[in-house]
Amino acid sequence: MMKARHTLPWKTMLSKRSFLTEQPVTLCVLPLYHIYALNVTMGATMYCGGKIVMLPKFEPKSFIEALETYKPTFLHLAPPLLAFCADHDGVTPEMFSRVNYML
Protein backbone atom coordinates (compact mmCIF):
# COMPACT_ATOMS: atom_id res chain seq x y z
CA MET A 1 0.00 0.00 0.00
CA MET A 2 2.90 2.37 0.61
CA LYS A 3 3.84 2.41 -3.07
CA ALA A 4 0.28 3.12 -4.20
CA ARG A 5 -0.05 6.00 -1.76
CA HIS A 6 3.11 7.65 -3.07
CA THR A 7 2.04 7.34 -6.70
CA LEU A 8 -1.18 9.31 -6.23
CA PRO A 9 0.39 12.78 -6.57
CA TRP A 10 2.25 11.67 -9.69
CA LYS A 11 -0.88 10.28 -11.28
CA THR A 12 -2.67 13.54 -10.56
CA MET A 13 0.06 15.59 -12.20
CA LEU A 14 0.21 13.27 -15.21
CA SER A 15 -3.55 13.50 -15.61
CA LYS A 16 -3.32 17.27 -15.53
CA ARG A 17 -0.58 17.32 -18.15
CA SER A 18 -2.33 14.89 -20.45
CA PHE A 19 -5.77 16.43 -20.80
CA LEU A 20 -6.26 19.63 -18.84
CA THR A 21 -4.84 22.64 -20.64
CA GLU A 22 -7.17 25.29 -19.25
CA GLN A 23 -9.04 25.86 -16.03
CA PRO A 24 -11.43 22.90 -16.09
CA VAL A 25 -15.04 22.58 -15.09
CA THR A 26 -16.33 19.09 -14.46
CA LEU A 27 -19.36 17.29 -13.12
CA CYS A 28 -18.53 14.58 -10.63
CA VAL A 29 -21.13 11.86 -10.31
CA LEU A 30 -18.63 9.09 -9.58
CA PRO A 31 -18.29 8.14 -5.90
CA LEU A 32 -15.22 9.71 -4.32
CA TYR A 33 -14.34 6.52 -2.47
CA HIS A 34 -13.48 5.13 -5.90
CA ILE A 35 -9.82 5.78 -6.76
CA TYR A 36 -10.58 7.04 -10.28
CA ALA A 37 -12.98 9.72 -9.05
CA LEU A 38 -10.70 10.73 -6.20
CA ASN A 39 -7.42 10.74 -8.09
CA VAL A 40 -8.17 11.57 -11.72
CA THR A 41 -11.37 13.60 -11.56
CA MET A 42 -10.98 15.48 -8.28
CA GLY A 43 -7.19 15.50 -7.95
CA ALA A 44 -6.39 16.75 -11.44
CA THR A 45 -9.17 19.36 -11.34
CA MET A 46 -8.02 20.73 -7.99
CA TYR A 47 -4.39 20.70 -9.14
CA CYS A 48 -5.39 23.01 -12.02
CA GLY A 49 -7.56 25.22 -9.83
CA GLY A 50 -10.70 24.09 -11.62
CA LYS A 51 -14.30 23.81 -10.57
CA ILE A 52 -15.86 20.51 -9.51
CA VAL A 53 -19.63 20.34 -9.50
CA MET A 54 -20.56 17.52 -7.14
CA LEU A 55 -23.80 15.66 -7.71
CA PRO A 56 -24.69 13.49 -4.70
CA LYS A 57 -26.08 10.77 -6.96
CA PHE A 58 -27.15 10.32 -10.53
CA GLU A 59 -30.63 11.56 -11.23
CA PRO A 60 -31.49 12.30 -14.87
CA LYS A 61 -33.12 15.67 -14.19
CA SER A 62 -30.31 17.05 -11.99
CA PHE A 63 -27.61 15.72 -14.34
CA ILE A 64 -29.20 17.44 -17.35
CA GLU A 65 -29.68 20.67 -15.39
CA ALA A 66 -26.03 20.59 -14.31
CA LEU A 67 -24.89 20.10 -17.93
CA GLU A 68 -26.91 23.15 -18.96
CA THR A 69 -25.95 25.33 -16.01
CA TYR A 70 -22.24 24.64 -15.51
CA LYS A 71 -21.18 23.80 -19.10
CA PRO A 72 -18.38 21.36 -18.22
CA THR A 73 -15.13 21.33 -20.17
CA PHE A 74 -14.38 17.68 -19.44
CA LEU A 75 -16.35 14.70 -18.19
CA HIS A 76 -15.51 11.34 -16.73
CA LEU A 77 -18.50 9.12 -17.39
CA ALA A 78 -19.05 5.47 -16.65
CA PRO A 79 -20.51 3.48 -19.59
CA PRO A 80 -24.11 3.65 -18.29
CA LEU A 81 -23.88 7.46 -18.06
CA LEU A 82 -22.49 7.66 -21.57
CA ALA A 83 -25.37 5.50 -22.80
CA PHE A 84 -27.79 7.80 -20.99
CA CYS A 85 -26.30 10.84 -22.75
CA ALA A 86 -26.56 9.13 -26.13
CA ASP A 87 -30.12 7.84 -25.70
CA HIS A 88 -32.03 10.37 -23.59
CA ASP A 89 -34.17 12.90 -25.45
CA GLY A 90 -33.38 15.61 -22.90
CA VAL A 91 -29.65 15.53 -23.66
CA THR A 92 -28.71 17.60 -26.71
CA PRO A 93 -25.37 18.10 -28.50
CA GLU A 94 -25.37 21.77 -27.43
CA MET A 95 -24.91 20.67 -23.82
CA PHE A 96 -21.48 19.35 -24.78
CA SER A 97 -20.36 22.42 -26.74
CA ARG A 98 -17.58 23.27 -24.25
CA VAL A 99 -16.50 19.69 -23.53
CA ASN A 100 -12.92 19.17 -24.69
CA TYR A 101 -12.48 15.67 -23.28
CA MET A 102 -14.79 12.90 -22.24
CA LEU A 103 -13.31 9.78 -20.67
C-alpha atoms as a PDB file:
ATOM      1  CA  MET A   1       0.000   0.000   0.000  1.00  0.00           C
ATOM      2  CA  MET A   2       2.897   2.366   0.605  1.00  0.00           C
ATOM      3  CA  LYS A   3       3.838   2.406  -3.071  1.00  0.00           C
ATOM      4  CA  ALA A   4       0.278   3.121  -4.202  1.00  0.00           C
ATOM      5  CA  ARG A   5      -0.046   6.001  -1.758  1.00  0.00           C
ATOM      6  CA  HIS A   6       3.113   7.654  -3.068  1.00  0.00           C
ATOM      7  CA  THR A   7       2.039   7.344  -6.700  1.00  0.00           C
ATOM      8  CA  LEU A   8      -1.185   9.310  -6.229  1.00  0.00           C
ATOM      9  CA  PRO A   9       0.386  12.778  -6.573  1.00  0.00           C
ATOM     10  CA  TRP A  10       2.253  11.668  -9.694  1.00  0.00           C
ATOM     11  CA  LYS A  11      -0.884  10.279 -11.279  1.00  0.00           C
ATOM     12  CA  THR A  12      -2.671  13.537 -10.563  1.00  0.00           C
ATOM     13  CA  MET A  13       0.061  15.588 -12.202  1.00  0.00           C
ATOM     14  CA  LEU A  14       0.210  13.271 -15.213  1.00  0.00           C
ATOM     15  CA  SER A  15      -3.551  13.505 -15.614  1.00  0.00           C
ATOM     16  CA  LYS A  16      -3.317  17.270 -15.533  1.00  0.00           C
ATOM     17  CA  ARG A  17      -0.584  17.320 -18.149  1.00  0.00           C
ATOM     18  CA  SER A  18      -2.331  14.890 -20.449  1.00  0.00           C
ATOM     19  CA  PHE A  19      -5.772  16.428 -20.804  1.00  0.00           C
ATOM     20  CA  LEU A  20      -6.255  19.626 -18.835  1.00  0.00           C
ATOM     21  CA  THR A  21      -4.836  22.637 -20.636  1.00  0.00           C
ATOM     22  CA  GLU A  22      -7.175  25.290 -19.252  1.00  0.00           C
ATOM     23  CA  GLN A  23      -9.036  25.855 -16.030  1.00  0.00           C
ATOM     24  CA  PRO A  24     -11.427  22.902 -16.095  1.00  0.00           C
ATOM     25  CA  VAL A  25     -15.043  22.580 -15.087  1.00  0.00           C
ATOM     26  CA  THR A  26     -16.325  19.086 -14.456  1.00  0.00           C
ATOM     27  CA  LEU A  27     -19.358  17.295 -13.119  1.00  0.00           C
ATOM     28  CA  CYS A  28     -18.529  14.582 -10.629  1.00  0.00           C
ATOM     29  CA  VAL A  29     -21.126  11.860 -10.311  1.00  0.00           C
ATOM     30  CA  LEU A  30     -18.634   9.090  -9.582  1.00  0.00           C
ATOM     31  CA  PRO A  31     -18.292   8.136  -5.903  1.00  0.00           C
ATOM     32  CA  LEU A  32     -15.216   9.713  -4.316  1.00  0.00           C
ATOM     33  CA  TYR A  33     -14.342   6.518  -2.468  1.00  0.00           C
ATOM     34  CA  HIS A  34     -13.482   5.135  -5.903  1.00  0.00           C
ATOM     35  CA  ILE A  35      -9.824   5.778  -6.764  1.00  0.00           C
ATOM     36  CA  TYR A  36     -10.585   7.043 -10.277  1.00  0.00           C
ATOM     37  CA  ALA A  37     -12.976   9.721  -9.051  1.00  0.00           C
ATOM     38  CA  LEU A  38     -10.697  10.726  -6.198  1.00  0.00           C
ATOM     39  CA  ASN A  39      -7.420  10.736  -8.091  1.00  0.00           C
ATOM     40  CA  VAL A  40      -8.170  11.572 -11.717  1.00  0.00           C
ATOM     41  CA  THR A  41     -11.373  13.601 -11.556  1.00  0.00           C
ATOM     42  CA  MET A  42     -10.976  15.479  -8.283  1.00  0.00           C
ATOM     43  CA  GLY A  43      -7.186  15.498  -7.947  1.00  0.00           C
ATOM     44  CA  ALA A  44      -6.386  16.754 -11.439  1.00  0.00           C
ATOM     45  CA  THR A  45      -9.172  19.355 -11.341  1.00  0.00           C
ATOM     46  CA  MET A  46      -8.018  20.726  -7.986  1.00  0.00           C
ATOM     47  CA  TYR A  47      -4.393  20.697  -9.140  1.00  0.00           C
ATOM     48  CA  CYS A  48      -5.394  23.012 -12.015  1.00  0.00           C
ATOM     49  CA  GLY A  49      -7.559  25.221  -9.828  1.00  0.00           C
ATOM     50  CA  GLY A  50     -10.696  24.094 -11.619  1.00  0.00           C
ATOM     51  CA  LYS A  51     -14.305  23.813 -10.573  1.00  0.00           C
ATOM     52  CA  ILE A  52     -15.856  20.515  -9.509  1.00  0.00           C
ATOM     53  CA  VAL A  53     -19.630  20.344  -9.497  1.00  0.00           C
ATOM     54  CA  MET A  54     -20.560  17.518  -7.142  1.00  0.00           C
ATOM     55  CA  LEU A  55     -23.798  15.659  -7.709  1.00  0.00           C
ATOM     56  CA  PRO A  56     -24.690  13.486  -4.703  1.00  0.00           C
ATOM     57  CA  LYS A  57     -26.079  10.769  -6.964  1.00  0.00           C
ATOM     58  CA  PHE A  58     -27.154  10.316 -10.529  1.00  0.00           C
ATOM     59  CA  GLU A  59     -30.633  11.561 -11.235  1.00  0.00           C
ATOM     60  CA  PRO A  60     -31.488  12.305 -14.871  1.00  0.00           C
ATOM     61  CA  LYS A  61     -33.119  15.671 -14.187  1.00  0.00           C
ATOM     62  CA  SER A  62     -30.308  17.052 -11.991  1.00  0.00           C
ATOM     63  CA  PHE A  63     -27.609  15.724 -14.338  1.00  0.00           C
ATOM     64  CA  ILE A  64     -29.200  17.436 -17.349  1.00  0.00           C
ATOM     65  CA  GLU A  65     -29.684  20.671 -15.390  1.00  0.00           C
ATOM     66  CA  ALA A  66     -26.028  20.590 -14.311  1.00  0.00           C
ATOM     67  CA  LEU A  67     -24.892  20.102 -17.928  1.00  0.00           C
ATOM     68  CA  GLU A  68     -26.914  23.152 -18.965  1.00  0.00           C
ATOM     69  CA  THR A  69     -25.948  25.330 -16.005  1.00  0.00           C
ATOM     70  CA  TYR A  70     -22.242  24.635 -15.512  1.00  0.00           C
ATOM     71  CA  LYS A  71     -21.178  23.799 -19.095  1.00  0.00           C
ATOM     72  CA  PRO A  72     -18.382  21.362 -18.219  1.00  0.00           C
ATOM     73  CA  THR A  73     -15.132  21.326 -20.167  1.00  0.00           C
ATOM     74  CA  PHE A  74     -14.382  17.677 -19.436  1.00  0.00           C
ATOM     75  CA  LEU A  75     -16.352  14.705 -18.192  1.00  0.00           C
ATOM     76  CA  HIS A  76     -15.513  11.335 -16.727  1.00  0.00           C
ATOM     77  CA  LEU A  77     -18.499   9.125 -17.395  1.00  0.00           C
ATOM     78  CA  ALA A  78     -19.050   5.468 -16.653  1.00  0.00           C
ATOM     79  CA  PRO A  79     -20.506   3.484 -19.588  1.00  0.00           C
ATOM     80  CA  PRO A  80     -24.106   3.648 -18.289  1.00  0.00           C
ATOM     81  CA  LEU A  81     -23.878   7.462 -18.059  1.00  0.00           C
ATOM     82  CA  LEU A  82     -22.488   7.657 -21.565  1.00  0.00           C
ATOM     83  CA  ALA A  83     -25.367   5.501 -22.796  1.00  0.00           C
ATOM     84  CA  PHE A  84     -27.793   7.804 -20.989  1.00  0.00           C
ATOM     85  CA  CYS A  85     -26.302  10.845 -22.752  1.00  0.00           C
ATOM     86  CA  ALA A  86     -26.559   9.126 -26.125  1.00  0.00           C
ATOM     87  CA  ASP A  87     -30.116   7.841 -25.703  1.00  0.00           C
ATOM     88  CA  HIS A  88     -32.028  10.370 -23.590  1.00  0.00           C
ATOM     89  CA  ASP A  89     -34.174  12.905 -25.451  1.00  0.00           C
ATOM     90  CA  GLY A  90     -33.381  15.615 -22.903  1.00  0.00           C
ATOM     91  CA  VAL A  91     -29.649  15.529 -23.662  1.00  0.00           C
ATOM     92  CA  THR A  92     -28.707  17.597 -26.709  1.00  0.00           C
ATOM     93  CA  PRO A  93     -25.372  18.102 -28.498  1.00  0.00           C
ATOM     94  CA  GLU A  94     -25.370  21.772 -27.434  1.00  0.00           C
ATOM     95  CA  MET A  95     -24.913  20.673 -23.819  1.00  0.00           C
ATOM     96  CA  PHE A  96     -21.476  19.351 -24.780  1.00  0.00           C
ATOM     97  CA  SER A  97     -20.364  22.415 -26.743  1.00  0.00           C
ATOM     98  CA  ARG A  98     -17.585  23.273 -24.252  1.00  0.00           C
ATOM     99  CA  VAL A  99     -16.504  19.690 -23.530  1.00  0.00           C
ATOM    100  CA  ASN A 100     -12.922  19.166 -24.693  1.00  0.00           C
ATOM    101  CA  TYR A 101     -12.475  15.671 -23.281  1.00  0.00           C
ATOM    102  CA  MET A 102     -14.791  12.904 -22.243  1.00  0.00           C
ATOM    103  CA  LEU A 103     -13.309   9.779 -20.667  1.00  0.00           C
END
